[in-house]
Amino acid sequence: MYSITDVEQAINYWRARQASTDDFSICPRGRVLADVYGSMIFYRQEAVEPRTLTAEQNEALSLALAQRELPL
């Protein structure tokens, strides 16, 4: 299960590491996670199961969460 905090932290991770395509949008990996985050807020979900996400969303989440735990 991914908590809403996990999704938010993953979005922030990608925003800090990937450039957006212009000054008004979010980076590609952040964008796929923003869809998950927005849906969680709308439906008042505190967590989401990985099996309900696309492969791209799962990859963006798992990579970001794994990377944040590595020492700098």
PDB file of N, CA and C in Angstrom:
ATOM      1  N   MET A   1       0.848  -1.189   0.000  1.00  0.00           N
ATOM      2  CA  MET A   1       0.000   0.000   0.000  1.00  0.00           C
ATOM      3  C   MET A   1       0.886   1.243   0.000  1.00  0.00           C
ATOM      4  N   TYR A   2       0.468   2.216  -0.763  1.00  0.00           N
ATOM      5  CA  TYR A   2       1.126   3.519  -0.761  1.00  0.00           C
ATOM      6  C   TYR A   2       0.198   4.515  -0.061  1.00  0.00           C
ATOM      7  N   SER A   3       0.734   5.229   0.907  1.00  0.00           N
ATOM      8  CA  SER A   3      -0.064   6.244   1.593  1.00  0.00           C
ATOM      9  C   SER A   3      -0.092   7.510   0.756  1.00  0.00           C
ATOM     10  N   ILE A   4      -1.000   8.386   1.080  1.00  0.00           N
ATOM     11  CA  ILE A   4      -1.080   9.659   0.367  1.00  0.00           C
ATOM     12  C   ILE A   4       0.204  10.462   0.598  1.00  0.00           C
ATOM     13  N   THR A   5       0.815  10.289   1.764  1.00  0.00           N
ATOM     14  CA  THR A   5       2.093  10.948   2.045  1.00  0.00           C
ATOM     15  C   THR A   5       3.194  10.400   1.143  1.00  0.00           C
ATOM     16  N   ASP A   6       3.193   9.093   0.899  1.00  0.00           N
ATOM     17  CA  ASP A   6       4.160   8.499  -0.027  1.00  0.00           C
ATOM     18  C   ASP A   6       4.032   9.101  -1.420  1.00  0.00           C
ATOM     19  N   VAL A   7       2.806   9.235  -1.885  1.00  0.00           N
ATOM     20  CA  VAL A   7       2.571   9.783  -3.224  1.00  0.00           C
ATOM     21  C   VAL A   7       3.035  11.239  -3.286  1.00  0.00           C
ATOM     22  N   GLU A   8       2.712  12.012  -2.276  1.00  0.00           N
ATOM     23  CA  GLU A   8       3.130  13.415  -2.231  1.00  0.00           C
ATOM     24  C   GLU A   8       4.655  13.534  -2.209  1.00  0.00           C
ATOM     25  N   GLN A   9       5.305  12.723  -1.401  1.00  0.00           N
ATOM     26  CA  GLN A   9       6.768  12.760  -1.334  1.00  0.00           C
ATOM     27  C   GLN A   9       7.404  12.336  -2.654  1.00  0.00           C
ATOM     28  N   ALA A  10       6.799  11.378  -3.332  1.00  0.00           N
ATOM     29  CA  ALA A  10       7.318  10.952  -4.634  1.00  0.00           C
ATOM     30  C   ALA A  10       7.174  12.065  -5.667  1.00  0.00           C
ATOM     31  N   ILE A  11       6.066  12.774  -5.649  1.00  0.00           N
ATOM     32  CA  ILE A  11       5.879  13.916  -6.564  1.00  0.00           C
ATOM     33  C   ILE A  11       6.959  14.956  -6.302  1.00  0.00           C
ATOM     34  N   ASN A  12       7.187  15.280  -5.046  1.00  0.00           N
ATOM     35  CA  ASN A  12       8.201  16.278  -4.699  1.00  0.00           C
ATOM     36  C   ASN A  12       9.607  15.808  -5.077  1.00  0.00           C
ATOM     37  N   TYR A  13       9.858  14.511  -4.937  1.00  0.00           N
ATOM     38  CA  TYR A  13      11.147  13.948  -5.343  1.00  0.00           C
ATOM     39  C   TYR A  13      11.381  14.194  -6.833  1.00  0.00           C
ATOM     40  N   TRP A  14      10.400  13.854  -7.660  1.00  0.00           N
ATOM     41  CA  TRP A  14      10.565  14.023  -9.105  1.00  0.00           C
ATOM     42  C   TRP A  14      10.609  15.491  -9.506  1.00  0.00           C
ATOM     43  N   ARG A  15       9.847  16.333  -8.846  1.00  0.00           N
ATOM     44  CA  ARG A  15       9.886  17.774  -9.157  1.00  0.00           C
ATOM     45  C   ARG A  15      11.273  18.346  -8.920  1.00  0.00           C
ATOM     46  N   ALA A  16      11.961  17.844  -7.908  1.00  0.00           N
ATOM     47  CA  ALA A  16      13.301  18.335  -7.576  1.00  0.00           C
ATOM     48  C   ALA A  16      14.374  17.781  -8.505  1.00  0.00           C
ATOM     49  N   ARG A  17      14.071  16.705  -9.209  1.00  0.00           N
ATOM     50  CA  ARG A  17      15.093  16.033 -10.018  1.00  0.00           C
ATOM     51  C   ARG A  17      14.861  16.051 -11.519  1.00  0.00           C
ATOM     52  N   GLN A  18      13.664  16.352 -11.960  1.00  0.00           N
ATOM     53  CA  GLN A  18      13.370  16.392 -13.387  1.00  0.00           C
ATOM     54  C   GLN A  18      12.821  17.756 -13.760  1.00  0.00           C
ATOM     55  N   ALA A  19      13.273  18.234 -14.882  1.00  0.00           N
ATOM     56  CA  ALA A  19      12.775  19.520 -15.373  1.00  0.00           C
ATOM     57  C   ALA A  19      11.403  19.330 -16.013  1.00  0.00           C
ATOM     58  N   SER A  20      10.565  20.348 -15.896  1.00  0.00           N
ATOM     59  CA  SER A  20       9.285  20.315 -16.591  1.00  0.00           C
ATOM     60  C   SER A  20       9.510  20.705 -18.048  1.00  0.00           C
ATOM     61  N   THR A  21       8.521  20.447 -18.855  1.00  0.00           N
ATOM     62  CA  THR A  21       8.649  20.759 -20.275  1.00  0.00           C
ATOM     63  C   THR A  21       8.470  22.245 -20.557  1.00  0.00           C
ATOM     64  N   ASP A  22       7.879  22.965 -19.624  1.00  0.00           N
ATOM     65  CA  ASP A  22       7.751  24.423 -19.727  1.00  0.00           C
ATOM     66  C   ASP A  22       7.634  25.002 -18.316  1.00  0.00           C
ATOM     67  N   ASP A  23       7.406  26.293 -18.208  1.00  0.00           N
ATOM     68  CA  ASP A  23       7.354  26.931 -16.892  1.00  0.00           C
ATOM     69  C   ASP A  23       6.060  26.676 -16.127  1.00  0.00           C
ATOM     70  N   PHE A  24       5.065  26.063 -16.767  1.00  0.00           N
ATOM     71  CA  PHE A  24       3.755  25.937 -16.149  1.00  0.00           C
ATOM     72  C   PHE A  24       3.323  24.510 -15.847  1.00  0.00           C
ATOM     73  N   SER A  25       4.122  23.547 -16.223  1.00  0.00           N
ATOM     74  CA  SER A  25       3.707  22.162 -16.006  1.00  0.00           C
ATOM     75  C   SER A  25       4.668  21.450 -15.070  1.00  0.00           C
ATOM     76  N   ILE A  26       4.276  20.288 -14.679  1.00  0.00           N
ATOM     77  CA  ILE A  26       5.084  19.462 -13.791  1.00  0.00           C
ATOM     78  C   ILE A  26       5.837  18.444 -14.657  1.00  0.00           C
ATOM     79  N   CYS A  27       6.924  17.926 -14.155  1.00  0.00           N
ATOM     80  CA  CYS A  27       7.731  16.956 -14.897  1.00  0.00           C
ATOM     81  C   CYS A  27       6.892  15.707 -15.215  1.00  0.00           C
ATOM     82  N   PRO A  28       7.289  14.942 -16.220  1.00  0.00           N
ATOM     83  CA  PRO A  28       6.483  13.782 -16.646  1.00  0.00           C
ATOM     84  C   PRO A  28       6.181  12.768 -15.536  1.00  0.00           C
ATOM     85  N   ARG A  29       7.170  12.397 -14.750  1.00  0.00           N
ATOM     86  CA  ARG A  29       6.896  11.407 -13.689  1.00  0.00           C
ATOM     87  C   ARG A  29       6.028  12.006 -12.587  1.00  0.00           C
ATOM     88  N   GLY A  30       6.219  13.268 -12.306  1.00  0.00           N
ATOM     89  CA  GLY A  30       5.361  13.936 -11.331  1.00  0.00           C
ATOM     90  C   GLY A  30       3.930  14.023 -11.820  1.00  0.00           C
ATOM     91  N   ARG A  31       3.767  14.207 -13.115  1.00  0.00           N
ATOM     92  CA  ARG A  31       2.428  14.327 -13.704  1.00  0.00           C
ATOM     93  C   ARG A  31       1.621  13.043 -13.538  1.00  0.00           C
ATOM     94  N   VAL A  32       2.242  11.886 -13.776  1.00  0.00           N
ATOM     95  CA  VAL A  32       1.489  10.630 -13.626  1.00  0.00           C
ATOM     96  C   VAL A  32       1.112  10.391 -12.161  1.00  0.00           C
ATOM     97  N   LEU A  33       1.940  10.874 -11.259  1.00  0.00           N
ATOM     98  CA  LEU A  33       1.619  10.728  -9.836  1.00  0.00           C
ATOM     99  C   LEU A  33       0.599  11.765  -9.372  1.00  0.00           C
ATOM    100  N   ALA A  34       0.567  12.908 -10.026  1.00  0.00           N
ATOM    101  CA  ALA A  34      -0.418  13.934  -9.678  1.00  0.00           C
ATOM    102  C   ALA A  34      -1.834  13.418  -9.923  1.00  0.00           C
ATOM    103  N   ASP A  35      -2.004  12.591 -10.953  1.00  0.00           N
ATOM    104  CA  ASP A  35      -3.310  11.988 -11.207  1.00  0.00           C
ATOM    105  C   ASP A  35      -3.730  11.103 -10.035  1.00  0.00           C
ATOM    106  N   VAL A  36      -2.808  10.312  -9.529  1.00  0.00           N
ATOM    107  CA  VAL A  36      -3.085   9.436  -8.383  1.00  0.00           C
ATOM    108  C   VAL A  36      -3.405  10.288  -7.156  1.00  0.00           C
ATOM    109  N   TYR A  37      -2.583  11.288  -6.915  1.00  0.00           N
ATOM    110  CA  TYR A  37      -2.741  12.160  -5.745  1.00  0.00           C
ATOM    111  C   TYR A  37      -4.094  12.881  -5.775  1.00  0.00           C
ATOM    112  N   GLY A  38      -4.435  13.431  -6.918  1.00  0.00           N
ATOM    113  CA  GLY A  38      -5.715  14.130  -7.051  1.00  0.00           C
ATOM    114  C   GLY A  38      -6.896  13.215  -6.834  1.00  0.00           C
ATOM    115  N   SER A  39      -6.813  12.015  -7.361  1.00  0.00           N
ATOM    116  CA  SER A  39      -7.879  11.039  -7.171  1.00  0.00           C
ATOM    117  C   SER A  39      -8.012  10.647  -5.706  1.00  0.00           C
ATOM    118  N   MET A  40      -6.885  10.483  -5.027  1.00  0.00           N
ATOM    119  CA  MET A  40      -6.916  10.136  -3.615  1.00  0.00           C
ATOM    120  C   MET A  40      -7.569  11.239  -2.791  1.00  0.00           C
ATOM    121  N   ILE A  41      -7.255  12.476  -3.127  1.00  0.00           N
ATOM    122  CA  ILE A  41      -7.869  13.593  -2.411  1.00  0.00           C
ATOM    123  C   ILE A  41      -9.369  13.634  -2.686  1.00  0.00           C
ATOM    124  N   PHE A  42      -9.743  13.513  -3.957  1.00  0.00           N
ATOM    125  CA  PHE A  42     -11.157  13.588  -4.334  1.00  0.00           C
ATOM    126  C   PHE A  42     -11.983  12.508  -3.638  1.00  0.00           C
ATOM    127  N   TYR A  43     -11.469  11.286  -3.620  1.00  0.00           N
ATOM    128  CA  TYR A  43     -12.196  10.169  -3.013  1.00  0.00           C
ATOM    129  C   TYR A  43     -11.876   9.963  -1.532  1.00  0.00           C
ATOM    130  N   ARG A  44     -11.086  10.871  -0.975  1.00  0.00           N
ATOM    131  CA  ARG A  44     -10.725  10.846   0.446  1.00  0.00           C
ATOM    132  C   ARG A  44     -10.080   9.517   0.855  1.00  0.00           C
ATOM    133  N   GLN A  45      -9.166   9.065   0.000  1.00  0.00           N
ATOM    134  CA  GLN A  45      -8.431   7.832   0.282  1.00  0.00           C
ATOM    135  C   GLN A  45      -7.132   8.175   0.999  1.00  0.00           C
ATOM    136  N   GLU A  46      -6.794   7.403   1.987  1.00  0.00           N
ATOM    137  CA  GLU A  46      -5.531   7.599   2.698  1.00  0.00           C
ATOM    138  C   GLU A  46      -4.425   6.724   2.141  1.00  0.00           C
ATOM    139  N   ALA A  47      -4.810   5.700   1.374  1.00  0.00           N
ATOM    140  CA  ALA A  47      -3.824   4.795   0.787  1.00  0.00           C
ATOM    141  C   ALA A  47      -4.385   4.213  -0.507  1.00  0.00           C
ATOM    142  N   VAL A  48      -3.452   3.733  -1.336  1.00  0.00           N
ATOM    143  CA  VAL A  48      -3.836   3.118  -2.605  1.00  0.00           C
ATOM    144  C   VAL A  48      -3.000   1.854  -2.784  1.00  0.00           C
ATOM    145  N   GLU A  49      -3.603   0.835  -3.347  1.00  0.00           N
ATOM    146  CA  GLU A  49      -2.896  -0.424  -3.585  1.00  0.00           C
ATOM    147  C   GLU A  49      -2.131  -0.351  -4.901  1.00  0.00           C
ATOM    148  N   PRO A  50      -0.911  -0.846  -4.912  1.00  0.00           N
ATOM    149  CA  PRO A  50      -0.107  -0.825  -6.141  1.00  0.00           C
ATOM    150  C   PRO A  50      -0.797  -1.492  -7.333  1.00  0.00           C
ATOM    151  N   ARG A  51      -1.591  -2.514  -7.094  1.00  0.00           N
ATOM    152  CA  ARG A  51      -2.241  -3.230  -8.198  1.00  0.00           C
ATOM    153  C   ARG A  51      -3.286  -2.379  -8.925  1.00  0.00           C
ATOM    154  N   THR A  52      -3.709  -1.271  -8.305  1.00  0.00           N
ATOM    155  CA  THR A  52      -4.694  -0.399  -8.942  1.00  0.00           C
ATOM    156  C   THR A  52      -4.040   0.688  -9.799  1.00  0.00           C
ATOM    157  N   LEU A  53      -2.716   0.752  -9.776  1.00  0.00           N
ATOM    158  CA  LEU A  53      -1.980   1.774 -10.514  1.00  0.00           C
ATOM    159  C   LEU A  53      -1.437   1.219 -11.820  1.00  0.00           C
ATOM    160  N   THR A  54      -1.126   2.129 -12.740  1.00  0.00           N
ATOM    161  CA  THR A  54      -0.506   1.713 -13.988  1.00  0.00           C
ATOM    162  C   THR A  54       0.951   1.347 -13.727  1.00  0.00           C
ATOM    163  N   ALA A  55       1.558   0.695 -14.690  1.00  0.00           N
ATOM    164  CA  ALA A  55       2.976   0.336 -14.565  1.00  0.00           C
ATOM    165  C   ALA A  55       3.829   1.591 -14.416  1.00  0.00           C
ATOM    166  N   GLU A  56       3.494   2.640 -15.152  1.00  0.00           N
ATOM    167  CA  GLU A  56       4.245   3.901 -15.085  1.00  0.00           C
ATOM    168  C   GLU A  56       4.116   4.550 -13.707  1.00  0.00           C
ATOM    169  N   GLN A  57       2.926   4.525 -13.141  1.00  0.00           N
ATOM    170  CA  GLN A  57       2.712   5.095 -11.812  1.00  0.00           C
ATOM    171  C   GLN A  57       3.457   4.290 -10.754  1.00  0.00           C
ATOM    172  N   ASN A  58       3.393   2.970 -10.836  1.00  0.00           N
ATOM    173  CA  ASN A  58       4.120   2.119  -9.897  1.00  0.00           C
ATOM    174  C   ASN A  58       5.621   2.351  -9.982  1.00  0.00           C
ATOM    175  N   GLU A  59       6.139   2.472 -11.191  1.00  0.00           N
ATOM    176  CA  GLU A  59       7.570   2.695 -11.360  1.00  0.00           C
ATOM    177  C   GLU A  59       7.991   4.032 -10.767  1.00  0.00           C
ATOM    178  N   ALA A  60       7.235   5.086 -11.060  1.00  0.00           N
ATOM    179  CA  ALA A  60       7.570   6.416 -10.536  1.00  0.00           C
ATOM    180  C   ALA A  60       7.543   6.424  -9.009  1.00  0.00           C
ATOM    181  N   LEU A  61       6.562   5.772  -8.427  1.00  0.00           N
ATOM    182  CA  LEU A  61       6.461   5.718  -6.966  1.00  0.00           C
ATOM    183  C   LEU A  61       7.579   4.887  -6.350  1.00  0.00           C
ATOM    184  N   SER A  62       7.780   3.698  -6.863  1.00  0.00           N
ATOM    185  CA  SER A  62       8.779   2.818  -6.250  1.00  0.00           C
ATOM    186  C   SER A  62      10.187   3.374  -6.389  1.00  0.00           C
ATOM    187  N   LEU A  63      10.511   3.954  -7.537  1.00  0.00           N
ATOM    188  CA  LEU A  63      11.842   4.550  -7.708  1.00  0.00           C
ATOM    189  C   LEU A  63      12.057   5.725  -6.761  1.00  0.00           C
ATOM    190  N   ALA A  64      11.086   6.605  -6.684  1.00  0.00           N
ATOM    191  CA  ALA A  64      11.218   7.781  -5.817  1.00  0.00           C
ATOM    192  C   ALA A  64      11.345   7.378  -4.353  1.00  0.00           C
ATOM    193  N   LEU A  65      10.519   6.440  -3.923  1.00  0.00           N
ATOM    194  CA  LEU A  65      10.551   6.032  -2.519  1.00  0.00           C
ATOM    195  C   LEU A  65      11.841   5.278  -2.190  1.00  0.00           C
ATOM    196  N   ALA A  66      12.354   4.491  -3.114  1.00  0.00           N
ATOM    197  CA  ALA A  66      13.612   3.784  -2.893  1.00  0.00           C
ATOM    198  C   ALA A  66      14.779   4.752  -2.853  1.00  0.00           C
ATOM    199  N   GLN A  67      14.777   5.744  -3.731  1.00  0.00           N
ATOM    200  CA  GLN A  67      15.868   6.707  -3.810  1.00  0.00           C
ATOM    201  C   GLN A  67      15.924   7.614  -2.590  1.00  0.00           C
ATOM    202  N   ARG A  68      14.782   7.984  -2.052  1.00  0.00           N
ATOM    203  CA  ARG A  68      14.793   8.895  -0.901  1.00  0.00           C
ATOM    204  C   ARG A  68      15.403   8.239   0.322  1.00  0.00           C
ATOM    205  N   GLU A  69      15.415   6.910   0.360  1.00  0.00           N
ATOM    206  CA  GLU A  69      15.965   6.202   1.509  1.00  0.00           C
ATOM    207  C   GLU A  69      17.457   5.981   1.403  1.00  0.00           C
ATOM    208  N   LEU A  70      18.046   6.249   0.246  1.00  0.00           N
ATOM    209  CA  LEU A  70      19.482   6.086   0.077  1.00  0.00           C
ATOM    210  C   LEU A  70      20.216   7.272   0.692  1.00  0.00           C
ATOM    211  N   PRO A  71      21.347   7.053   1.320  1.00  0.00           N
ATOM    212  CA  PRO A  71      22.106   8.174   1.870  1.00  0.00           C
ATOM    213  C   PRO A  71      22.712   8.994   0.734  1.00  0.00           C
ATOM    214  N   LEU A  72      22.830  10.278   0.959  1.00  0.00           N
ATOM    215  CA  LEU A  72      23.407  11.156  -0.064  1.00  0.00           C
ATOM    216  C   LEU A  72      24.904  11.092  -0.064  1.00  0.00           C
TER     217      LEU A  72
END
